[in-house]
């Protein structure tokens, strides 16, 4: 079985998705947190391993990695771009029985990762995939709710159902 890995250029996606772009204009931190939540949910539904990368080029320090709901979130080191970290991650993950995708709309980055053996997913295409996943989750929840609804009533014989109804009405 092939393991699918999706590496996401966080700020590129935030700048490309209308909902996150609006949030970014108000407060960048909220847009980043919302993307983390969205990608965490997508990872759970899709079965892909998702890695989220944020550029901290102008932030002094050693970069960091933390895990949020099983979603690895990377911040680059000082003077390291997200593209450089993404390229390193692609190189370390490409291999037998692995299919690596990179979500970014940066054309230069798309060409570089393609040369390293990964596939690209433009930001707009990822948004469509995320929306489809949400619809599928809603559909499954609706189906399960409908199946569970009245399951007790459906299990009763007509005679027992009538006796219970009479009892409820005080007859």
N, C-alpha and C. Protein backbone atom coordinates (compact mmCIF):
# COMPACT_ATOMS: atom_id res chain seq x y z
N UNK A 1 0.84 -1.19 0.00
CA UNK A 1 0.00 0.00 0.00
C UNK A 1 0.88 1.25 0.00
N UNK A 2 0.50 2.24 -0.77
CA UNK A 2 1.27 3.47 -0.89
C UNK A 2 0.81 4.48 0.15
N UNK A 3 1.78 5.06 0.87
CA UNK A 3 1.47 6.11 1.83
C UNK A 3 1.46 7.45 1.10
N UNK A 4 0.40 8.20 1.28
CA UNK A 4 0.30 9.52 0.66
C UNK A 4 0.65 10.59 1.69
N UNK A 5 1.51 11.51 1.29
CA UNK A 5 1.96 12.59 2.16
C UNK A 5 1.68 13.91 1.47
N UNK A 6 1.05 14.81 2.19
CA UNK A 6 0.74 16.13 1.66
C UNK A 6 1.49 17.18 2.49
N UNK A 7 2.37 17.92 1.83
CA UNK A 7 3.11 18.99 2.49
C UNK A 7 2.47 20.30 2.04
N UNK A 8 2.06 21.12 3.00
CA UNK A 8 1.29 22.32 2.70
C UNK A 8 2.10 23.57 3.03
N UNK A 9 2.24 24.46 2.05
CA UNK A 9 2.88 25.76 2.23
C UNK A 9 1.84 26.68 2.87
N UNK A 10 1.90 26.80 4.19
CA UNK A 10 0.85 27.45 4.96
C UNK A 10 0.48 28.86 4.54
N UNK A 11 1.46 29.75 4.47
CA UNK A 11 1.13 31.14 4.13
C UNK A 11 0.69 31.29 2.69
N UNK A 12 1.17 30.44 1.80
CA UNK A 12 0.73 30.46 0.41
C UNK A 12 -0.76 30.11 0.34
N UNK A 13 -1.16 29.11 1.09
CA UNK A 13 -2.56 28.69 1.11
C UNK A 13 -3.43 29.78 1.75
N UNK A 14 -2.97 30.34 2.85
CA UNK A 14 -3.72 31.42 3.52
C UNK A 14 -3.96 32.57 2.54
N UNK A 15 -2.96 32.92 1.77
CA UNK A 15 -3.10 34.01 0.81
C UNK A 15 -3.99 33.68 -0.37
N UNK A 16 -4.21 32.40 -0.62
CA UNK A 16 -4.98 31.98 -1.80
C UNK A 16 -6.44 31.64 -1.50
N UNK A 17 -6.76 31.26 -0.28
CA UNK A 17 -8.13 30.89 0.05
C UNK A 17 -8.88 32.11 0.57
N UNK A 18 -10.02 32.45 -0.03
CA UNK A 18 -10.75 33.67 0.34
C UNK A 18 -11.07 33.78 1.84
N UNK A 19 -11.56 32.72 2.44
CA UNK A 19 -11.91 32.74 3.88
C UNK A 19 -10.69 33.08 4.74
N UNK A 20 -9.57 32.45 4.44
CA UNK A 20 -8.36 32.68 5.23
C UNK A 20 -7.73 34.03 4.90
N UNK A 21 -7.84 34.47 3.67
CA UNK A 21 -7.31 35.78 3.27
C UNK A 21 -8.00 36.88 4.07
N UNK A 22 -9.32 36.77 4.22
CA UNK A 22 -10.06 37.77 5.01
C UNK A 22 -9.61 37.75 6.46
N UNK A 23 -9.46 36.54 7.01
CA UNK A 23 -9.00 36.41 8.40
C UNK A 23 -7.60 37.00 8.56
N UNK A 24 -6.74 36.74 7.60
CA UNK A 24 -5.36 37.23 7.64
C UNK A 24 -5.32 38.75 7.70
N UNK A 25 -6.22 39.40 6.96
CA UNK A 25 -6.27 40.85 6.95
C UNK A 25 -6.66 41.41 8.31
N UNK A 26 -7.39 40.62 9.09
CA UNK A 26 -7.81 41.05 10.43
C UNK A 26 -6.75 40.64 11.46
N UNK A 27 -6.40 39.34 11.42
CA UNK A 27 -5.43 38.82 12.39
C UNK A 27 -4.79 37.55 11.83
N UNK A 28 -3.51 37.64 11.51
CA UNK A 28 -2.78 36.54 10.88
C UNK A 28 -2.83 35.27 11.74
N UNK A 29 -2.71 35.41 13.04
CA UNK A 29 -2.71 34.25 13.94
C UNK A 29 -3.99 33.43 13.80
N UNK A 30 -5.13 34.11 13.68
CA UNK A 30 -6.41 33.41 13.53
C UNK A 30 -6.46 32.64 12.22
N UNK A 31 -5.95 33.26 11.16
CA UNK A 31 -5.93 32.57 9.86
C UNK A 31 -5.05 31.33 9.94
N UNK A 32 -3.91 31.45 10.61
CA UNK A 32 -3.00 30.31 10.76
C UNK A 32 -3.67 29.20 11.58
N UNK A 33 -4.31 29.57 12.69
CA UNK A 33 -4.99 28.58 13.52
C UNK A 33 -6.13 27.89 12.77
N UNK A 34 -6.84 28.66 11.96
CA UNK A 34 -7.95 28.09 11.18
C UNK A 34 -7.42 27.09 10.15
N UNK A 35 -6.30 27.44 9.49
CA UNK A 35 -5.71 26.51 8.52
C UNK A 35 -5.24 25.24 9.22
N UNK A 36 -4.66 25.37 10.38
CA UNK A 36 -4.22 24.19 11.15
C UNK A 36 -5.42 23.30 11.44
N UNK A 37 -6.51 23.89 11.86
CA UNK A 37 -7.73 23.13 12.16
C UNK A 37 -8.26 22.44 10.90
N UNK A 38 -8.33 23.17 9.80
CA UNK A 38 -8.84 22.62 8.54
C UNK A 38 -7.98 21.45 8.07
N UNK A 39 -6.66 21.62 8.10
CA UNK A 39 -5.77 20.56 7.62
C UNK A 39 -5.78 19.36 8.56
N UNK A 40 -5.97 19.59 9.84
CA UNK A 40 -6.08 18.49 10.80
C UNK A 40 -7.31 17.65 10.49
N UNK A 41 -8.43 18.32 10.22
CA UNK A 41 -9.66 17.61 9.87
C UNK A 41 -9.49 16.87 8.54
N UNK A 42 -8.85 17.51 7.58
CA UNK A 42 -8.64 16.89 6.28
C UNK A 42 -7.77 15.64 6.41
N UNK A 43 -6.74 15.74 7.23
CA UNK A 43 -5.86 14.58 7.46
C UNK A 43 -6.67 13.42 8.03
N UNK A 44 -7.53 13.71 8.99
CA UNK A 44 -8.34 12.66 9.62
C UNK A 44 -9.25 11.99 8.61
N UNK A 45 -9.85 12.77 7.74
CA UNK A 45 -10.80 12.20 6.79
C UNK A 45 -10.10 11.52 5.62
N UNK A 46 -9.07 12.15 5.07
CA UNK A 46 -8.46 11.67 3.84
C UNK A 46 -7.54 10.46 4.04
N UNK A 47 -6.98 10.34 5.24
CA UNK A 47 -6.03 9.26 5.48
C UNK A 47 -4.62 9.62 5.03
N UNK A 48 -4.45 10.79 4.42
CA UNK A 48 -3.12 11.25 4.02
C UNK A 48 -2.39 11.78 5.25
N UNK A 49 -1.08 11.63 5.24
CA UNK A 49 -0.28 12.29 6.27
C UNK A 49 -0.09 13.72 5.78
N UNK A 50 -0.50 14.70 6.57
CA UNK A 50 -0.39 16.10 6.19
C UNK A 50 0.69 16.76 7.04
N UNK A 51 1.54 17.54 6.41
CA UNK A 51 2.59 18.31 7.10
C UNK A 51 2.39 19.76 6.70
N UNK A 52 2.26 20.63 7.69
CA UNK A 52 2.01 22.04 7.45
C UNK A 52 3.27 22.84 7.74
N UNK A 53 3.67 23.71 6.80
CA UNK A 53 4.91 24.48 6.93
C UNK A 53 4.60 25.97 6.87
N UNK A 54 5.13 26.72 7.86
CA UNK A 54 5.00 28.17 7.89
C UNK A 54 6.38 28.80 7.85
N UNK A 55 6.49 29.86 7.12
CA UNK A 55 7.73 30.60 6.95
C UNK A 55 7.94 31.53 8.15
N UNK A 56 9.09 31.42 8.80
CA UNK A 56 9.45 32.32 9.90
C UNK A 56 10.79 32.99 9.57
N UNK A 57 10.99 33.32 8.30
CA UNK A 57 12.27 33.82 7.79
C UNK A 57 12.81 35.00 8.60
N UNK A 58 11.93 35.92 8.98
CA UNK A 58 12.37 37.12 9.69
C UNK A 58 12.26 37.00 11.21
N UNK A 59 11.93 35.83 11.69
CA UNK A 59 11.78 35.63 13.13
C UNK A 59 13.04 35.00 13.67
N UNK A 60 13.73 35.67 14.61
CA UNK A 60 14.96 35.09 15.15
C UNK A 60 14.68 33.80 15.91
N UNK A 61 15.60 32.88 15.79
CA UNK A 61 15.45 31.63 16.54
C UNK A 61 15.70 30.42 15.69
N UNK A 62 15.43 29.29 16.28
CA UNK A 62 15.75 27.99 15.68
C UNK A 62 14.58 27.31 15.03
N UNK A 63 13.60 27.94 14.66
CA UNK A 63 12.49 27.21 14.05
C UNK A 63 11.94 26.20 15.05
N UNK A 64 10.79 25.70 14.77
CA UNK A 64 10.23 24.71 15.70
C UNK A 64 9.21 23.85 14.98
N UNK A 65 8.91 22.76 15.63
CA UNK A 65 7.91 21.82 15.14
C UNK A 65 7.06 21.42 16.33
N UNK A 66 5.76 21.39 16.13
CA UNK A 66 4.88 20.84 17.14
C UNK A 66 3.77 20.07 16.45
N UNK A 67 3.06 19.29 17.22
CA UNK A 67 2.00 18.46 16.65
C UNK A 67 0.67 18.91 17.24
N UNK A 68 -0.27 19.18 16.35
CA UNK A 68 -1.62 19.59 16.76
C UNK A 68 -2.60 18.57 16.21
N UNK A 69 -3.24 17.81 17.07
CA UNK A 69 -4.19 16.77 16.65
C UNK A 69 -3.58 15.87 15.58
N UNK A 70 -2.39 15.38 15.85
CA UNK A 70 -1.65 14.47 14.97
C UNK A 70 -1.15 15.13 13.68
N UNK A 71 -1.27 16.45 13.59
CA UNK A 71 -0.81 17.19 12.42
C UNK A 71 0.51 17.88 12.75
N UNK A 72 1.62 17.47 12.08
CA UNK A 72 2.89 18.15 12.32
C UNK A 72 2.88 19.55 11.70
N UNK A 73 3.24 20.55 12.52
CA UNK A 73 3.28 21.94 12.07
C UNK A 73 4.72 22.43 12.25
N UNK A 74 5.33 22.87 11.15
CA UNK A 74 6.71 23.35 11.17
C UNK A 74 6.75 24.86 10.98
N UNK A 75 7.64 25.52 11.72
CA UNK A 75 8.00 26.91 11.48
C UNK A 75 9.47 26.90 11.11
N UNK A 76 9.82 27.58 10.04
CA UNK A 76 11.21 27.54 9.57
C UNK A 76 12.15 28.24 10.55
N UNK A 77 13.43 27.95 10.38
CA UNK A 77 14.47 28.62 11.16
C UNK A 77 14.65 30.04 10.63
N UNK A 78 15.34 30.85 11.41
CA UNK A 78 15.68 32.19 10.96
C UNK A 78 16.49 32.08 9.66
N UNK A 79 16.16 32.92 8.69
CA UNK A 79 16.82 32.97 7.38
C UNK A 79 16.63 31.70 6.56
N UNK A 80 15.59 30.95 6.86
CA UNK A 80 15.23 29.78 6.05
C UNK A 80 13.82 30.03 5.53
N UNK A 81 13.62 29.83 4.23
CA UNK A 81 12.28 30.04 3.67
C UNK A 81 11.46 28.76 3.80
N UNK A 82 10.17 28.92 3.68
CA UNK A 82 9.28 27.75 3.67
C UNK A 82 9.62 26.85 2.50
N UNK A 83 9.95 27.45 1.36
CA UNK A 83 10.31 26.66 0.18
C UNK A 83 11.51 25.75 0.45
N UNK A 84 12.50 26.27 1.15
CA UNK A 84 13.69 25.47 1.46
C UNK A 84 13.33 24.29 2.37
N UNK A 85 12.52 24.55 3.38
CA UNK A 85 12.10 23.47 4.28
C UNK A 85 11.23 22.46 3.54
N UNK A 86 10.33 22.94 2.71
CA UNK A 86 9.48 22.03 1.93
C UNK A 86 10.33 21.14 1.05
N UNK A 87 11.33 21.72 0.40
CA UNK A 87 12.22 20.92 -0.46
C UNK A 87 12.94 19.85 0.34
N UNK A 88 13.42 20.20 1.55
CA UNK A 88 14.07 19.20 2.41
C UNK A 88 13.09 18.10 2.82
N UNK A 89 11.87 18.49 3.16
CA UNK A 89 10.86 17.50 3.56
C UNK A 89 10.52 16.58 2.39
N UNK A 90 10.40 17.13 1.20
CA UNK A 90 10.12 16.31 0.02
C UNK A 90 11.25 15.29 -0.17
N UNK A 91 12.48 15.77 -0.11
CA UNK A 91 13.64 14.88 -0.29
C UNK A 91 13.64 13.76 0.74
N UNK A 92 13.30 14.10 1.98
CA UNK A 92 13.34 13.07 3.03
C UNK A 92 12.16 12.11 2.97
N UNK A 93 11.06 12.50 2.32
CA UNK A 93 9.88 11.62 2.29
C UNK A 93 9.71 10.86 0.99
N UNK A 94 10.27 11.34 -0.10
CA UNK A 94 10.11 10.64 -1.38
C UNK A 94 10.81 9.29 -1.27
N UNK A 95 10.15 8.25 -1.70
CA UNK A 95 10.76 6.93 -1.65
C UNK A 95 9.78 5.87 -2.08
N UNK A 96 10.19 4.64 -1.90
CA UNK A 96 9.34 3.51 -2.25
C UNK A 96 8.07 3.53 -1.41
N UNK A 97 6.99 3.24 -2.07
CA UNK A 97 5.68 3.14 -1.42
C UNK A 97 5.23 4.44 -0.76
N UNK A 98 5.73 5.55 -1.27
CA UNK A 98 5.31 6.86 -0.77
C UNK A 98 5.00 7.76 -1.97
N UNK A 99 3.91 8.48 -1.85
CA UNK A 99 3.56 9.45 -2.87
C UNK A 99 3.47 10.81 -2.16
N UNK A 100 4.33 11.74 -2.55
CA UNK A 100 4.40 13.04 -1.89
C UNK A 100 3.75 14.10 -2.79
N UNK A 101 2.90 14.91 -2.17
CA UNK A 101 2.26 16.03 -2.84
C UNK A 101 2.64 17.29 -2.09
N UNK A 102 2.76 18.40 -2.80
CA UNK A 102 3.02 19.69 -2.17
C UNK A 102 1.91 20.64 -2.61
N UNK A 103 1.24 21.24 -1.63
CA UNK A 103 0.18 22.21 -1.91
C UNK A 103 0.76 23.61 -1.85
N UNK A 104 0.87 24.23 -3.02
CA UNK A 104 1.35 25.61 -3.14
C UNK A 104 0.96 26.12 -4.52
N UNK A 105 0.80 27.42 -4.62
CA UNK A 105 0.54 28.02 -5.93
C UNK A 105 1.77 28.75 -6.44
N UNK A 106 2.88 28.61 -5.74
CA UNK A 106 4.15 29.20 -6.15
C UNK A 106 4.70 28.38 -7.31
N UNK A 107 4.70 28.95 -8.51
CA UNK A 107 5.09 28.21 -9.72
C UNK A 107 6.54 27.72 -9.67
N UNK A 108 7.44 28.55 -9.17
CA UNK A 108 8.85 28.13 -9.11
C UNK A 108 8.98 26.93 -8.17
N UNK A 109 8.31 27.01 -7.01
CA UNK A 109 8.36 25.90 -6.05
C UNK A 109 7.75 24.64 -6.66
N UNK A 110 6.68 24.79 -7.43
CA UNK A 110 6.06 23.64 -8.08
C UNK A 110 7.05 22.93 -9.00
N UNK A 111 7.80 23.68 -9.75
CA UNK A 111 8.78 23.08 -10.66
C UNK A 111 9.90 22.37 -9.89
N UNK A 112 10.35 22.99 -8.80
CA UNK A 112 11.44 22.39 -8.01
C UNK A 112 10.99 21.08 -7.39
N UNK A 113 9.82 21.07 -6.75
CA UNK A 113 9.37 19.83 -6.08
C UNK A 113 9.04 18.75 -7.11
N UNK A 114 8.56 19.15 -8.26
CA UNK A 114 8.29 18.18 -9.31
C UNK A 114 9.60 17.50 -9.72
N UNK A 115 10.68 18.28 -9.80
CA UNK A 115 11.99 17.72 -10.12
C UNK A 115 12.52 16.79 -9.06
N UNK A 116 12.03 16.91 -7.84
CA UNK A 116 12.47 16.05 -6.74
C UNK A 116 11.58 14.81 -6.60
N UNK A 117 10.58 14.68 -7.46
CA UNK A 117 9.76 13.48 -7.44
C UNK A 117 8.41 13.63 -6.76
N UNK A 118 8.04 14.85 -6.39
CA UNK A 118 6.74 15.06 -5.75
C UNK A 118 5.75 15.62 -6.77
N UNK A 119 4.49 15.56 -6.44
CA UNK A 119 3.44 16.13 -7.28
C UNK A 119 2.96 17.42 -6.65
N UNK A 120 2.41 18.28 -7.46
CA UNK A 120 1.93 19.56 -6.95
C UNK A 120 0.41 19.57 -6.87
N UNK A 121 -0.08 20.31 -5.92
CA UNK A 121 -1.51 20.57 -5.83
C UNK A 121 -1.65 22.08 -5.65
N UNK A 122 -2.18 22.77 -6.65
CA UNK A 122 -2.38 24.22 -6.50
C UNK A 122 -3.36 24.51 -5.36
N UNK A 123 -3.25 25.69 -4.78
CA UNK A 123 -4.09 26.07 -3.63
C UNK A 123 -5.57 25.91 -3.92
N UNK A 124 -6.00 26.31 -5.10
CA UNK A 124 -7.41 26.20 -5.46
C UNK A 124 -7.89 24.76 -5.51
N UNK A 125 -7.05 23.88 -6.01
CA UNK A 125 -7.41 22.46 -6.07
C UNK A 125 -7.51 21.86 -4.67
N UNK A 126 -6.59 22.26 -3.78
CA UNK A 126 -6.66 21.76 -2.40
C UNK A 126 -7.95 22.24 -1.73
N UNK A 127 -8.33 23.48 -1.99
CA UNK A 127 -9.58 24.01 -1.42
C UNK A 127 -10.77 23.17 -1.88
N UNK A 128 -10.79 22.80 -3.15
CA UNK A 128 -11.87 21.95 -3.67
C UNK A 128 -11.86 20.60 -2.96
N UNK A 129 -10.68 20.00 -2.79
CA UNK A 129 -10.58 18.70 -2.11
C UNK A 129 -11.06 18.80 -0.66
N UNK A 130 -10.71 19.88 0.02
CA UNK A 130 -11.13 20.07 1.41
C UNK A 130 -12.65 20.22 1.48
N UNK A 131 -13.22 21.00 0.58
CA UNK A 131 -14.68 21.19 0.56
C UNK A 131 -15.40 19.88 0.26
N UNK A 132 -14.86 19.09 -0.67
CA UNK A 132 -15.46 17.79 -0.99
C UNK A 132 -15.40 16.86 0.22
N UNK A 133 -14.28 16.89 0.94
CA UNK A 133 -14.14 16.06 2.14
C UNK A 133 -15.18 16.45 3.19
N UNK A 134 -15.37 17.76 3.37
CA UNK A 134 -16.38 18.23 4.34
C UNK A 134 -17.77 17.76 3.95
N UNK A 135 -18.11 17.86 2.64
CA UNK A 135 -19.42 17.40 2.18
C UNK A 135 -19.59 15.91 2.42
N UNK A 136 -18.54 15.15 2.18
CA UNK A 136 -18.60 13.70 2.38
C UNK A 136 -18.80 13.37 3.86
N UNK A 137 -18.13 14.10 4.73
CA UNK A 137 -18.31 13.89 6.18
C UNK A 137 -19.75 14.20 6.57
N UNK A 138 -20.27 15.33 6.09
CA UNK A 138 -21.67 15.70 6.41
C UNK A 138 -22.64 14.62 5.90
N UNK A 139 -22.39 14.11 4.68
CA UNK A 139 -23.26 13.08 4.11
C UNK A 139 -23.25 11.82 4.97
N UNK A 140 -22.05 11.41 5.40
CA UNK A 140 -21.95 10.21 6.22
C UNK A 140 -22.64 10.39 7.57
N UNK A 141 -22.48 11.56 8.16
CA UNK A 141 -23.14 11.84 9.44
C UNK A 141 -24.65 11.81 9.25
N UNK A 142 -25.14 12.43 8.16
CA UNK A 142 -26.57 12.44 7.88
C UNK A 142 -27.09 11.01 7.70
N UNK A 143 -26.36 10.19 6.95
CA UNK A 143 -26.77 8.80 6.73
C UNK A 143 -26.83 8.03 8.03
N UNK A 144 -25.79 8.19 8.86
CA UNK A 144 -25.76 7.47 10.13
C UNK A 144 -26.88 7.94 11.05
N UNK A 145 -27.19 9.23 11.02
CA UNK A 145 -28.27 9.77 11.84
C UNK A 145 -29.60 9.21 11.38
N UNK A 146 -29.80 9.16 10.06
CA UNK A 146 -31.05 8.63 9.52
C UNK A 146 -31.21 7.16 9.84
N UNK A 147 -30.15 6.39 9.78
CA UNK A 147 -30.21 4.96 10.08
C UNK A 147 -30.55 4.75 11.55
N UNK A 148 -29.97 5.57 12.40
CA UNK A 148 -30.21 5.41 13.83
C UNK A 148 -31.58 5.91 14.26
N UNK A 149 -32.14 6.85 13.53
CA UNK A 149 -33.41 7.43 13.90
C UNK A 149 -34.50 6.37 13.86
N UNK A 150 -35.29 6.30 14.91
CA UNK A 150 -36.41 5.38 15.03
C UNK A 150 -36.02 3.90 14.95
N UNK A 151 -34.78 3.60 15.23
CA UNK A 151 -34.37 2.20 15.13
C UNK A 151 -35.09 1.33 16.15
N UNK A 152 -35.39 1.87 17.33
CA UNK A 152 -36.13 1.10 18.34
C UNK A 152 -37.54 0.82 17.85
N UNK A 153 -38.18 1.85 17.32
CA UNK A 153 -39.54 1.71 16.83
C UNK A 153 -39.62 0.70 15.69
N UNK A 154 -38.64 0.71 14.81
CA UNK A 154 -38.64 -0.21 13.67
C UNK A 154 -38.42 -1.66 14.10
N UNK A 155 -37.82 -1.86 15.26
CA UNK A 155 -37.54 -3.21 15.73
C UNK A 155 -38.76 -3.85 16.39
N UNK A 156 -39.78 -3.07 16.67
CA UNK A 156 -40.97 -3.59 17.35
C UNK A 156 -41.95 -4.22 16.36
N UNK A 157 -42.61 -5.23 16.84
CA UNK A 157 -43.68 -5.82 16.01
C UNK A 157 -44.87 -4.86 16.03
N UNK A 158 -45.75 -5.00 15.05
CA UNK A 158 -46.93 -4.12 14.98
C UNK A 158 -47.79 -4.26 16.23
N UNK A 159 -47.92 -5.50 16.71
CA UNK A 159 -48.74 -5.75 17.91
C UNK A 159 -48.15 -5.05 19.13
N UNK A 160 -46.85 -5.18 19.34
CA UNK A 160 -46.20 -4.54 20.49
C UNK A 160 -46.24 -3.02 20.36
N UNK A 161 -46.07 -2.51 19.17
CA UNK A 161 -46.13 -1.07 18.94
C UNK A 161 -47.52 -0.55 19.31
N UNK A 162 -48.58 -1.29 18.92
CA UNK A 162 -49.95 -0.88 19.24
C UNK A 162 -50.19 -0.92 20.74
N UNK A 163 -49.70 -1.95 21.42
CA UNK A 163 -49.87 -2.06 22.88
C UNK A 163 -49.17 -0.92 23.61
N UNK A 164 -47.97 -0.58 23.17
CA UNK A 164 -47.24 0.55 23.79
C UNK A 164 -47.95 1.87 23.55
N UNK A 165 -48.49 2.06 22.35
CA UNK A 165 -49.22 3.29 22.03
C UNK A 165 -50.47 3.39 22.89
N UNK A 166 -51.19 2.28 23.07
CA UNK A 166 -52.37 2.28 23.93
C UNK A 166 -51.98 2.61 25.36
N UNK A 167 -50.90 2.06 25.81
CA UNK A 167 -50.41 2.30 27.18
C UNK A 167 -50.03 3.78 27.35
N UNK A 168 -49.37 4.34 26.35
CA UNK A 168 -48.98 5.75 26.40
C UNK A 168 -50.21 6.66 26.47
N UNK A 169 -51.28 6.29 25.78
CA UNK A 169 -52.49 7.13 25.75
C UNK A 169 -53.42 6.83 26.92
N UNK A 170 -53.05 5.88 27.75
CA UNK A 170 -53.85 5.56 28.95
C UNK A 170 -55.08 4.73 28.66
N UNK A 171 -55.03 3.96 27.58
CA UNK A 171 -56.19 3.12 27.25
C UNK A 171 -56.06 1.77 27.86
